[in-house]
């Protein structure tokens, strides 16, 4: 796993400085920065004002001359204005804290880390502020709409060992989902398929070819026409559990994408409506700790419905 040099600008209120890699070698550094997607909405006057305040630096921490010729591939750091965000009105509960590891119980609708319009309203920024620890870093991710157990390294040296657990599939993950009960569905079942997702597409798709997504699904409880399912993913493709449940004819309650896109749910968080969360919970993780050697198991305290 490639290590990136630390940013020359410190965190500002829990948020990292933005990193831009110049794509173009034509024009000035300022021109190339303004053409980058990360600088969308930033005016030339805004950029020059930041540079004059010493808030546009190169990887060595030196001030950047925006009038200098652009060099393709050059990384530059600056502070971006934070977007206006809808507050996620749910607590981020802490399950465990030690010198190496922080484990939280993430609520629905809260993104793992800053991306796009979600910056402050993310688990990472909230946790950095709450614990006053600027070097906290997620070692895996949960979708914004999925709740449950989420792990962070508490210091830089601990990040790679915990990330490696997930990369080598050494973490046993158990999810729970609420979905309709389908007559005639023989459970437990292990679903094997090939799932692909293109950048920019909301939905993943199943296509022919070598399998890359495996999930074991069972029914553990019922309430009327609804069931609580145990989902054991053996792989970690994007939207894997949602695609597999939908493919079995039991789409997860509150899913805005599968089997069909439901725009009223997909857009709900941006309008402050959190009344119908995706009923998917990262219920538990279990693994041998790479630093202490102890067997670890962390369980969500959240319930579905």
C-alpha atoms as a PDB file:
ATOM      1  CA  UNK A   1       0.000   0.000   0.000  1.00  0.00           C
ATOM      2  CA  UNK A   2       1.505   3.315  -1.116  1.00  0.00           C
ATOM      3  CA  UNK A   3       2.110   5.919   1.574  1.00  0.00           C
ATOM      4  CA  UNK A   4       1.522   9.577   0.657  1.00  0.00           C
ATOM      5  CA  UNK A   5       3.636  12.293   2.232  1.00  0.00           C
ATOM      6  CA  UNK A   6       1.816  14.221   4.978  1.00  0.00           C
ATOM      7  CA  UNK A   7       0.036  17.368   3.825  1.00  0.00           C
ATOM      8  CA  UNK A   8       2.059  20.534   4.513  1.00  0.00           C
ATOM      9  CA  UNK A   9      -1.077  22.304   5.764  1.00  0.00           C
ATOM     10  CA  UNK A  10      -2.474  21.139   9.112  1.00  0.00           C
ATOM     11  CA  UNK A  11      -6.070  20.090   9.629  1.00  0.00           C
ATOM     12  CA  UNK A  12      -8.470  22.978  10.045  1.00  0.00           C
ATOM     13  CA  UNK A  13     -11.252  22.194  12.515  1.00  0.00           C
ATOM     14  CA  UNK A  14     -10.921  18.480  11.821  1.00  0.00           C
ATOM     15  CA  UNK A  15     -10.862  18.801   8.011  1.00  0.00           C
ATOM     16  CA  UNK A  16      -7.869  17.993   5.804  1.00  0.00           C
ATOM     17  CA  UNK A  17      -6.490  20.473   3.323  1.00  0.00           C
ATOM     18  CA  UNK A  18      -7.482  19.749  -0.268  1.00  0.00           C
ATOM     19  CA  UNK A  19      -4.862  18.140  -2.511  1.00  0.00           C
ATOM     20  CA  UNK A  20      -4.813  19.023  -6.212  1.00  0.00           C
ATOM     21  CA  UNK A  21      -2.550  17.330  -8.762  1.00  0.00           C
ATOM     22  CA  UNK A  22      -2.008  19.574 -11.768  1.00  0.00           C
ATOM     23  CA  UNK A  23      -3.232  17.908 -14.954  1.00  0.00           C
ATOM     24  CA  UNK A  24      -2.124  20.474 -17.490  1.00  0.00           C
ATOM     25  CA  UNK A  25       1.283  21.838 -18.406  1.00  0.00           C
ATOM     26  CA  UNK A  26      -0.189  24.787 -20.281  1.00  0.00           C
ATOM     27  CA  UNK A  27      -0.607  28.202 -18.723  1.00  0.00           C
ATOM     28  CA  UNK A  28       0.158  29.076 -15.139  1.00  0.00           C
ATOM     29  CA  UNK A  29      -0.146  27.115 -11.919  1.00  0.00           C
ATOM     30  CA  UNK A  30      -3.205  29.210 -11.099  1.00  0.00           C
ATOM     31  CA  UNK A  31      -4.830  28.351 -14.429  1.00  0.00           C
ATOM     32  CA  UNK A  32      -4.188  24.636 -13.919  1.00  0.00           C
ATOM     33  CA  UNK A  33      -5.565  24.724 -10.381  1.00  0.00           C
ATOM     34  CA  UNK A  34      -8.760  26.497 -11.412  1.00  0.00           C
ATOM     35  CA  UNK A  35      -9.285  23.853 -14.117  1.00  0.00           C
ATOM     36  CA  UNK A  36      -9.143  21.035 -11.533  1.00  0.00           C
ATOM     37  CA  UNK A  37     -12.461  19.521 -10.316  1.00  0.00           C
ATOM     38  CA  UNK A  38     -11.435  20.059  -6.679  1.00  0.00           C
ATOM     39  CA  UNK A  39     -11.382  23.821  -7.336  1.00  0.00           C
ATOM     40  CA  UNK A  40     -14.856  23.973  -8.877  1.00  0.00           C
ATOM     41  CA  UNK A  41     -16.592  27.173  -7.801  1.00  0.00           C
ATOM     42  CA  UNK A  42     -13.323  28.827  -6.734  1.00  0.00           C
ATOM     43  CA  UNK A  43     -12.625  32.156  -8.452  1.00  0.00           C
ATOM     44  CA  UNK A  44      -9.212  33.438  -9.437  1.00  0.00           C
ATOM     45  CA  UNK A  45      -9.536  36.209  -6.847  1.00  0.00           C
ATOM     46  CA  UNK A  46     -10.327  33.643  -4.121  1.00  0.00           C
ATOM     47  CA  UNK A  47      -7.340  31.517  -5.099  1.00  0.00           C
ATOM     48  CA  UNK A  48      -4.926  34.458  -5.152  1.00  0.00           C
ATOM     49  CA  UNK A  49      -6.215  35.631  -1.748  1.00  0.00           C
ATOM     50  CA  UNK A  50      -5.513  32.179  -0.301  1.00  0.00           C
ATOM     51  CA  UNK A  51      -2.015  32.213  -1.803  1.00  0.00           C
ATOM     52  CA  UNK A  52      -1.294  35.625  -0.272  1.00  0.00           C
ATOM     53  CA  UNK A  53      -2.307  34.250   3.150  1.00  0.00           C
ATOM     54  CA  UNK A  54       0.140  31.360   2.767  1.00  0.00           C
ATOM     55  CA  UNK A  55      -2.648  28.809   2.311  1.00  0.00           C
ATOM     56  CA  UNK A  56      -1.513  27.417  -1.057  1.00  0.00           C
ATOM     57  CA  UNK A  57       1.580  25.250  -0.560  1.00  0.00           C
ATOM     58  CA  UNK A  58       3.543  22.619  -2.454  1.00  0.00           C
ATOM     59  CA  UNK A  59       4.410  19.207  -1.024  1.00  0.00           C
ATOM     60  CA  UNK A  60       7.553  20.575   0.653  1.00  0.00           C
ATOM     61  CA  UNK A  61       5.561  23.267   2.464  1.00  0.00           C
ATOM     62  CA  UNK A  62       6.770  26.162   0.299  1.00  0.00           C
ATOM     63  CA  UNK A  63       4.387  28.874  -0.893  1.00  0.00           C
ATOM     64  CA  UNK A  64       3.212  28.363  -4.455  1.00  0.00           C
ATOM     65  CA  UNK A  65       3.689  31.059  -7.103  1.00  0.00           C
ATOM     66  CA  UNK A  66       0.397  30.961  -8.995  1.00  0.00           C
ATOM     67  CA  UNK A  67       1.949  32.903 -11.884  1.00  0.00           C
ATOM     68  CA  UNK A  68       4.677  30.295 -12.461  1.00  0.00           C
ATOM     69  CA  UNK A  69       4.389  27.873 -15.404  1.00  0.00           C
ATOM     70  CA  UNK A  70       2.298  24.796 -14.634  1.00  0.00           C
ATOM     71  CA  UNK A  71       4.012  21.404 -14.327  1.00  0.00           C
ATOM     72  CA  UNK A  72       1.824  18.301 -14.919  1.00  0.00           C
ATOM     73  CA  UNK A  73       1.709  15.954 -11.938  1.00  0.00           C
ATOM     74  CA  UNK A  74       2.684  18.569  -9.365  1.00  0.00           C
ATOM     75  CA  UNK A  75       0.674  18.214  -6.119  1.00  0.00           C
ATOM     76  CA  UNK A  76      -0.542  21.391  -4.438  1.00  0.00           C
ATOM     77  CA  UNK A  77      -2.459  21.825  -1.180  1.00  0.00           C
ATOM     78  CA  UNK A  78      -4.952  24.504  -0.185  1.00  0.00           C
ATOM     79  CA  UNK A  79      -7.893  25.099   2.142  1.00  0.00           C
ATOM     80  CA  UNK A  80     -11.244  24.790   0.407  1.00  0.00           C
ATOM     81  CA  UNK A  81     -14.345  26.561   1.688  1.00  0.00           C
ATOM     82  CA  UNK A  82     -16.626  24.073   3.398  1.00  0.00           C
ATOM     83  CA  UNK A  83     -19.932  23.351   1.636  1.00  0.00           C
ATOM     84  CA  UNK A  84     -23.273  24.120   3.239  1.00  0.00           C
ATOM     85  CA  UNK A  85     -24.407  20.787   4.681  1.00  0.00           C
ATOM     86  CA  UNK A  86     -27.601  19.433   6.142  1.00  0.00           C
ATOM     87  CA  UNK A  87     -26.874  18.327   9.704  1.00  0.00           C
ATOM     88  CA  UNK A  88     -27.208  14.575  10.261  1.00  0.00           C
ATOM     89  CA  UNK A  89     -29.296  14.490  13.478  1.00  0.00           C
ATOM     90  CA  UNK A  90     -27.987  11.187  14.855  1.00  0.00           C
ATOM     91  CA  UNK A  91     -25.229  10.446  17.360  1.00  0.00           C
ATOM     92  CA  UNK A  92     -21.970   8.745  16.453  1.00  0.00           C
ATOM     93  CA  UNK A  93     -21.628   6.291  19.347  1.00  0.00           C
ATOM     94  CA  UNK A  94     -18.166   5.131  20.441  1.00  0.00           C
ATOM     95  CA  UNK A  95     -17.826   1.383  21.074  1.00  0.00           C
ATOM     96  CA  UNK A  96     -14.100   1.150  21.870  1.00  0.00           C
ATOM     97  CA  UNK A  97     -11.042   3.392  22.260  1.00  0.00           C
ATOM     98  CA  UNK A  98      -7.398   2.515  22.875  1.00  0.00           C
ATOM     99  CA  UNK A  99      -4.017   3.856  21.773  1.00  0.00           C
ATOM    100  CA  UNK A 100      -4.234   2.084  18.407  1.00  0.00           C
ATOM    101  CA  UNK A 101      -7.887   1.627  17.529  1.00  0.00           C
ATOM    102  CA  UNK A 102     -11.190   3.500  17.718  1.00  0.00           C
ATOM    103  CA  UNK A 103     -14.440   1.682  16.909  1.00  0.00           C
ATOM    104  CA  UNK A 104     -17.734   3.513  16.460  1.00  0.00           C
ATOM    105  CA  UNK A 105     -21.371   2.660  15.802  1.00  0.00           C
ATOM    106  CA  UNK A 106     -22.120   4.825  12.758  1.00  0.00           C
ATOM    107  CA  UNK A 107     -25.686   6.033  12.193  1.00  0.00           C
ATOM    108  CA  UNK A 108     -27.477   5.914   8.859  1.00  0.00           C
ATOM    109  CA  UNK A 109     -26.903   8.859   6.465  1.00  0.00           C
ATOM    110  CA  UNK A 110     -23.470   9.774   7.875  1.00  0.00           C
ATOM    111  CA  UNK A 111     -20.620   9.336   5.385  1.00  0.00           C
ATOM    112  CA  UNK A 112     -17.420   7.657   6.561  1.00  0.00           C
ATOM    113  CA  UNK A 113     -15.087  10.412   5.359  1.00  0.00           C
ATOM    114  CA  UNK A 114     -15.258  13.694   3.427  1.00  0.00           C
ATOM    115  CA  UNK A 115     -16.288  13.426  -0.200  1.00  0.00           C
ATOM    116  CA  UNK A 116     -18.162  15.837  -2.437  1.00  0.00           C
ATOM    117  CA  UNK A 117     -20.894  17.673  -0.534  1.00  0.00           C
ATOM    118  CA  UNK A 118     -20.304  15.718   2.697  1.00  0.00           C
ATOM    119  CA  UNK A 119     -17.351  17.097   4.667  1.00  0.00           C
ATOM    120  CA  UNK A 120     -18.116  18.120   8.243  1.00  0.00           C
ATOM    121  CA  UNK A 121     -21.104  15.780   8.401  1.00  0.00           C
ATOM    122  CA  UNK A 122     -18.905  12.697   8.243  1.00  0.00           C
ATOM    123  CA  UNK A 123     -17.799  10.155  10.822  1.00  0.00           C
ATOM    124  CA  UNK A 124     -14.126  11.068  10.401  1.00  0.00           C
ATOM    125  CA  UNK A 125     -14.480  14.804  11.009  1.00  0.00           C
ATOM    126  CA  UNK A 126     -16.947  14.362  13.872  1.00  0.00           C
ATOM    127  CA  UNK A 127     -14.657  11.861  15.565  1.00  0.00           C
ATOM    128  CA  UNK A 128     -11.512  13.959  15.116  1.00  0.00           C
ATOM    129  CA  UNK A 129     -13.293  16.847  16.822  1.00  0.00           C
ATOM    130  CA  UNK A 130     -14.861  14.706  19.550  1.00  0.00           C
ATOM    131  CA  UNK A 131     -11.620  12.957  20.515  1.00  0.00           C
ATOM    132  CA  UNK A 132      -9.322  15.888  19.644  1.00  0.00           C
ATOM    133  CA  UNK A 133      -7.212  13.527  17.567  1.00  0.00           C
ATOM    134  CA  UNK A 134      -6.213  14.984  14.164  1.00  0.00           C
ATOM    135  CA  UNK A 135      -4.458  11.785  12.995  1.00  0.00           C
ATOM    136  CA  UNK A 136      -7.504   9.520  13.191  1.00  0.00           C
ATOM    137  CA  UNK A 137      -8.012   7.682   9.918  1.00  0.00           C
ATOM    138  CA  UNK A 138     -10.608   5.114   8.738  1.00  0.00           C
ATOM    139  CA  UNK A 139      -9.212   1.642   8.044  1.00  0.00           C
ATOM    140  CA  UNK A 140     -12.278   0.619   6.006  1.00  0.00           C
ATOM    141  CA  UNK A 141     -15.498   2.276   4.866  1.00  0.00           C
ATOM    142  CA  UNK A 142     -19.242   1.934   5.167  1.00  0.00           C
ATOM    143  CA  UNK A 143     -21.645   3.395   2.645  1.00  0.00           C
ATOM    144  CA  UNK A 144     -23.265   6.625   3.794  1.00  0.00           C
ATOM    145  CA  UNK A 145     -26.675   4.920   3.970  1.00  0.00           C
ATOM    146  CA  UNK A 146     -25.415   1.905   5.954  1.00  0.00           C
ATOM    147  CA  UNK A 147     -25.215   2.042   9.759  1.00  0.00           C
ATOM    148  CA  UNK A 148     -23.051   0.024  12.130  1.00  0.00           C
ATOM    149  CA  UNK A 149     -19.534  -0.909  13.194  1.00  0.00           C
ATOM    150  CA  UNK A 150     -16.777   1.232  11.690  1.00  0.00           C
ATOM    151  CA  UNK A 151     -13.074   1.170  12.637  1.00  0.00           C
ATOM    152  CA  UNK A 152     -10.435   3.924  12.729  1.00  0.00           C
ATOM    153  CA  UNK A 153      -6.718   3.856  13.469  1.00  0.00           C
ATOM    154  CA  UNK A 154      -5.797   6.155  16.343  1.00  0.00           C
ATOM    155  CA  UNK A 155      -2.210   6.812  15.210  1.00  0.00           C
ATOM    156  CA  UNK A 156      -0.460   6.719  11.814  1.00  0.00           C
ATOM    157  CA  UNK A 157       1.683   3.652  12.584  1.00  0.00           C
ATOM    158  CA  UNK A 158      -1.437   1.588  13.336  1.00  0.00           C
ATOM    159  CA  UNK A 159      -3.241   2.367  10.101  1.00  0.00           C
ATOM    160  CA  UNK A 160      -1.507  -0.042   7.725  1.00  0.00           C
ATOM    161  CA  UNK A 161      -1.751  -3.157   9.957  1.00  0.00           C
ATOM    162  CA  UNK A 162      -5.517  -2.718  10.385  1.00  0.00           C
ATOM    163  CA  UNK A 163      -6.061  -1.862   6.718  1.00  0.00           C
ATOM    164  CA  UNK A 164      -4.158  -5.007   5.774  1.00  0.00           C
ATOM    165  CA  UNK A 165      -6.673  -7.117   7.702  1.00  0.00           C
ATOM    166  CA  UNK A 166      -9.424  -5.939   5.365  1.00  0.00           C
ATOM    167  CA  UNK A 167      -7.249  -6.156   2.254  1.00  0.00           C
ATOM    168  CA  UNK A 168      -6.425  -9.798   3.037  1.00  0.00           C
ATOM    169  CA  UNK A 169     -10.032 -10.631   4.058  1.00  0.00           C
ATOM    170  CA  UNK A 170      -9.024 -11.541   7.602  1.00  0.00           C
ATOM    171  CA  UNK A 171     -12.006  -9.742   9.150  1.00  0.00           C
ATOM    172  CA  UNK A 172     -15.224 -11.720   9.637  1.00  0.00           C
ATOM    173  CA  UNK A 173     -18.073  -9.301   8.883  1.00  0.00           C
ATOM    174  CA  UNK A 174     -21.717  -9.841   9.763  1.00  0.00           C
ATOM    175  CA  UNK A 175     -24.523  -7.606   8.557  1.00  0.00           C
ATOM    176  CA  UNK A 176     -28.237  -7.545   9.365  1.00  0.00           C
ATOM    177  CA  UNK A 177     -30.970  -6.372   7.010  1.00  0.00           C
ATOM    178  CA  UNK A 178     -34.730  -5.996   7.165  1.00  0.00           C
ATOM    179  CA  UNK A 179     -36.543  -7.048   4.007  1.00  0.00           C
ATOM    180  CA  UNK A 180     -39.721  -8.788   2.807  1.00  0.00           C
ATOM    181  CA  UNK A 181     -40.204 -12.515   3.350  1.00  0.00           C
ATOM    182  CA  UNK A 182     -40.335 -14.384   0.066  1.00  0.00           C
ATOM    183  CA  UNK A 183     -42.294 -17.630  -0.091  1.00  0.00           C
ATOM    184  CA  UNK A 184     -40.274 -20.441  -1.594  1.00  0.00           C
ATOM    185  CA  UNK A 185     -36.883 -18.836  -0.978  1.00  0.00           C
ATOM    186  CA  UNK A 186     -34.681 -21.656   0.308  1.00  0.00           C
ATOM    187  CA  UNK A 187     -32.356 -20.332   3.016  1.00  0.00           C
ATOM    188  CA  UNK A 188     -29.553 -20.213   3.914  1.00  0.00           C
ATOM    189  CA  UNK A 189     -28.177 -19.546   0.447  1.00  0.00           C
ATOM    190  CA  UNK A 190     -24.752 -18.529  -0.824  1.00  0.00           C
ATOM    191  CA  UNK A 191     -24.994 -16.081  -3.720  1.00  0.00           C
ATOM    192  CA  UNK A 192     -22.105 -15.907  -6.175  1.00  0.00           C
ATOM    193  CA  UNK A 193     -22.012 -13.356  -8.971  1.00  0.00           C
ATOM    194  CA  UNK A 194     -19.927 -10.834 -10.847  1.00  0.00           C
ATOM    195  CA  UNK A 195     -20.672  -7.258  -9.775  1.00  0.00           C
ATOM    196  CA  UNK A 196     -19.247  -4.203 -11.515  1.00  0.00           C
ATOM    197  CA  UNK A 197     -19.751  -0.491 -10.877  1.00  0.00           C
ATOM    198  CA  UNK A 198     -18.496   2.338 -13.055  1.00  0.00           C
ATOM    199  CA  UNK A 199     -17.388   5.669 -11.618  1.00  0.00           C
ATOM    200  CA  UNK A 200     -20.255   8.139 -11.799  1.00  0.00           C
ATOM    201  CA  UNK A 201     -22.975   5.478 -11.917  1.00  0.00           C
ATOM    202  CA  UNK A 202     -25.315   5.338  -8.933  1.00  0.00           C
ATOM    203  CA  UNK A 203     -25.965   1.613  -9.275  1.00  0.00           C
ATOM    204  CA  UNK A 204     -23.765  -1.457  -9.527  1.00  0.00           C
ATOM    205  CA  UNK A 205     -24.679  -4.158 -12.033  1.00  0.00           C
ATOM    206  CA  UNK A 206     -24.426  -7.922 -12.362  1.00  0.00           C
ATOM    207  CA  UNK A 207     -22.820  -9.193 -15.532  1.00  0.00           C
ATOM    208  CA  UNK A 208     -21.489 -12.478 -16.965  1.00  0.00           C
ATOM    209  CA  UNK A 209     -17.933 -13.472 -16.167  1.00  0.00           C
ATOM    210  CA  UNK A 210     -15.787 -14.759 -13.316  1.00  0.00           C
ATOM    211  CA  UNK A 211     -17.468 -14.294  -9.935  1.00  0.00           C
ATOM    212  CA  UNK A 212     -16.104 -11.562  -7.690  1.00  0.00           C
ATOM    213  CA  UNK A 213     -18.921 -11.231  -5.138  1.00  0.00           C
ATOM    214  CA  UNK A 214     -19.935 -13.925  -2.612  1.00  0.00           C
ATOM    215  CA  UNK A 215     -22.506 -13.564   0.188  1.00  0.00           C
ATOM    216  CA  UNK A 216     -24.196 -16.084   2.478  1.00  0.00           C
ATOM    217  CA  UNK A 217     -27.727 -15.036   3.449  1.00  0.00           C
ATOM    218  CA  UNK A 218     -30.034 -16.500   6.101  1.00  0.00           C
ATOM    219  CA  UNK A 219     -33.260 -15.539   7.873  1.00  0.00           C
ATOM    220  CA  UNK A 220     -32.881 -15.103  11.639  1.00  0.00           C
ATOM    221  CA  UNK A 221     -36.170 -13.500  12.714  1.00  0.00           C
ATOM    222  CA  UNK A 222     -39.607 -12.535  11.396  1.00  0.00           C
ATOM    223  CA  UNK A 223     -42.206  -9.888  12.204  1.00  0.00           C
ATOM    224  CA  UNK A 224     -45.341 -10.041  10.086  1.00  0.00           C
ATOM    225  CA  UNK A 225     -44.388  -9.946   6.416  1.00  0.00           C
ATOM    226  CA  UNK A 226     -40.858  -8.718   7.204  1.00  0.00           C
ATOM    227  CA  UNK A 227     -37.744 -10.694   8.052  1.00  0.00           C
ATOM    228  CA  UNK A 228     -34.407  -9.907   9.678  1.00  0.00           C
ATOM    229  CA  UNK A 229     -31.666 -11.456   7.579  1.00  0.00           C
ATOM    230  CA  UNK A 230     -28.087 -12.315   8.516  1.00  0.00           C
ATOM    231  CA  UNK A 231     -25.695 -11.396   5.703  1.00  0.00           C
ATOM    232  CA  UNK A 232     -22.142 -12.760   5.662  1.00  0.00           C
ATOM    233  CA  UNK A 233     -20.102 -11.219   2.840  1.00  0.00           C
ATOM    234  CA  UNK A 234     -16.971 -13.080   1.817  1.00  0.00           C
ATOM    235  CA  UNK A 235     -15.974 -10.305  -0.596  1.00  0.00           C
ATOM    236  CA  UNK A 236     -16.423  -6.552  -0.516  1.00  0.00           C
ATOM    237  CA  UNK A 237     -17.787  -5.269  -3.815  1.00  0.00           C
ATOM    238  CA  UNK A 238     -19.616  -1.939  -3.824  1.00  0.00           C
ATOM    239  CA  UNK A 239     -23.337  -2.440  -2.998  1.00  0.00           C
ATOM    240  CA  UNK A 240     -22.759  -6.210  -2.946  1.00  0.00           C
ATOM    241  CA  UNK A 241     -25.290  -7.059  -0.235  1.00  0.00           C
ATOM    242  CA  UNK A 242     -27.928  -4.756  -1.677  1.00  0.00           C
ATOM    243  CA  UNK A 243     -27.511  -6.269  -5.155  1.00  0.00           C
ATOM    244  CA  UNK A 244     -27.621  -9.839  -3.841  1.00  0.00           C
ATOM    245  CA  UNK A 245     -30.711  -9.255  -1.694  1.00  0.00           C
ATOM    246  CA  UNK A 246     -32.520  -7.592  -4.576  1.00  0.00           C
ATOM    247  CA  UNK A 247     -31.524 -10.438  -6.881  1.00  0.00           C
ATOM    248  CA  UNK A 248     -33.146 -12.913  -4.490  1.00  0.00           C
ATOM    249  CA  UNK A 249     -36.418 -10.991  -4.700  1.00  0.00           C
ATOM    250  CA  UNK A 250     -36.118  -9.521  -1.185  1.00  0.00           C
ATOM    251  CA  UNK A 251     -34.747  -5.975  -1.667  1.00  0.00           C
ATOM    252  CA  UNK A 252     -33.698  -4.293   1.568  1.00  0.00           C
ATOM    253  CA  UNK A 253     -36.320  -1.934   2.996  1.00  0.00           C
ATOM    254  CA  UNK A 254     -35.534   1.719   2.327  1.00  0.00           C
ATOM    255  CA  UNK A 255     -33.106   0.988  -0.525  1.00  0.00           C
ATOM    256  CA  UNK A 256     -33.204   3.977  -2.919  1.00  0.00           C
ATOM    257  CA  UNK A 257     -31.383   2.149  -5.742  1.00  0.00           C
ATOM    258  CA  UNK A 258     -32.364  -1.523  -5.893  1.00  0.00           C
ATOM    259  CA  UNK A 259     -34.285  -2.957  -7.600  1.00  0.00           C
ATOM    260  CA  UNK A 260     -35.316   0.465  -8.990  1.00  0.00           C
ATOM    261  CA  UNK A 261     -34.040   3.972  -8.372  1.00  0.00           C
ATOM    262  CA  UNK A 262     -36.340   5.809  -5.946  1.00  0.00           C
ATOM    263  CA  UNK A 263     -35.430   9.506  -6.309  1.00  0.00           C
ATOM    264  CA  UNK A 264     -37.473  10.562  -3.266  1.00  0.00           C
ATOM    265  CA  UNK A 265     -35.243   8.412  -1.023  1.00  0.00           C
ATOM    266  CA  UNK A 266     -31.966   9.050  -2.842  1.00  0.00           C
ATOM    267  CA  UNK A 267     -32.425  12.818  -2.366  1.00  0.00           C
ATOM    268  CA  UNK A 268     -33.956  12.716   1.113  1.00  0.00           C
ATOM    269  CA  UNK A 269     -30.855  13.583   3.224  1.00  0.00           C
ATOM    270  CA  UNK A 270     -30.260  16.761   1.209  1.00  0.00           C
ATOM    271  CA  UNK A 271     -33.740  17.936   2.172  1.00  0.00           C
ATOM    272  CA  UNK A 272     -33.488  16.987   5.835  1.00  0.00           C
ATOM    273  CA  UNK A 273     -35.861  14.000   5.618  1.00  0.00           C
ATOM    274  CA  UNK A 274     -34.342  11.040   7.451  1.00  0.00           C
ATOM    275  CA  UNK A 275     -37.585   9.143   7.989  1.00  0.00           C
ATOM    276  CA  UNK A 276     -36.839   6.083   5.825  1.00  0.00           C
ATOM    277  CA  UNK A 277     -33.261   4.861   6.287  1.00  0.00           C
ATOM    278  CA  UNK A 278     -31.824   1.908   4.427  1.00  0.00           C
ATOM    279  CA  UNK A 279     -32.448  -1.064   6.716  1.00  0.00           C
ATOM    280  CA  UNK A 280     -28.888  -2.388   6.476  1.00  0.00           C
ATOM    281  CA  UNK A 281     -26.633  -2.649   9.524  1.00  0.00           C
ATOM    282  CA  UNK A 282     -22.972  -3.597   9.788  1.00  0.00           C
ATOM    283  CA  UNK A 283     -23.748  -5.688  12.857  1.00  0.00           C
ATOM    284  CA  UNK A 284     -20.366  -7.120  13.901  1.00  0.00           C
ATOM    285  CA  UNK A 285     -16.702  -7.522  12.996  1.00  0.00           C
ATOM    286  CA  UNK A 286     -14.302 -10.122  14.402  1.00  0.00           C
ATOM    287  CA  UNK A 287     -10.554 -10.501  13.843  1.00  0.00           C
ATOM    288  CA  UNK A 288      -7.177 -11.205  15.416  1.00  0.00           C
ATOM    289  CA  UNK A 289      -5.669  -7.854  16.350  1.00  0.00           C
ATOM    290  CA  UNK A 290      -2.449  -7.392  14.303  1.00  0.00           C
ATOM    291  CA  UNK A 291      -0.796  -5.376  17.081  1.00  0.00           C
ATOM    292  CA  UNK A 292      -1.858  -7.076  20.316  1.00  0.00           C
ATOM    293  CA  UNK A 293      -2.640 -10.552  18.961  1.00  0.00           C
ATOM    294  CA  UNK A 294      -5.927 -10.594  20.913  1.00  0.00           C
ATOM    295  CA  UNK A 295      -9.148 -11.875  19.376  1.00  0.00           C
ATOM    296  CA  UNK A 296     -11.456  -8.899  18.910  1.00  0.00           C
ATOM    297  CA  UNK A 297     -15.212  -8.755  18.348  1.00  0.00           C
ATOM    298  CA  UNK A 298     -17.203  -5.540  18.133  1.00  0.00           C
ATOM    299  CA  UNK A 299     -21.008  -5.501  17.891  1.00  0.00           C
ATOM    300  CA  UNK A 300     -23.385  -2.697  16.979  1.00  0.00           C
ATOM    301  CA  UNK A 301     -25.942  -1.608  19.548  1.00  0.00           C
ATOM    302  CA  UNK A 302     -28.338  -0.372  16.861  1.00  0.00           C
ATOM    303  CA  UNK A 303     -31.531  -2.124  15.776  1.00  0.00           C
ATOM    304  CA  UNK A 304     -33.418  -2.142  12.486  1.00  0.00           C
ATOM    305  CA  UNK A 305     -36.898  -0.768  11.990  1.00  0.00           C
END
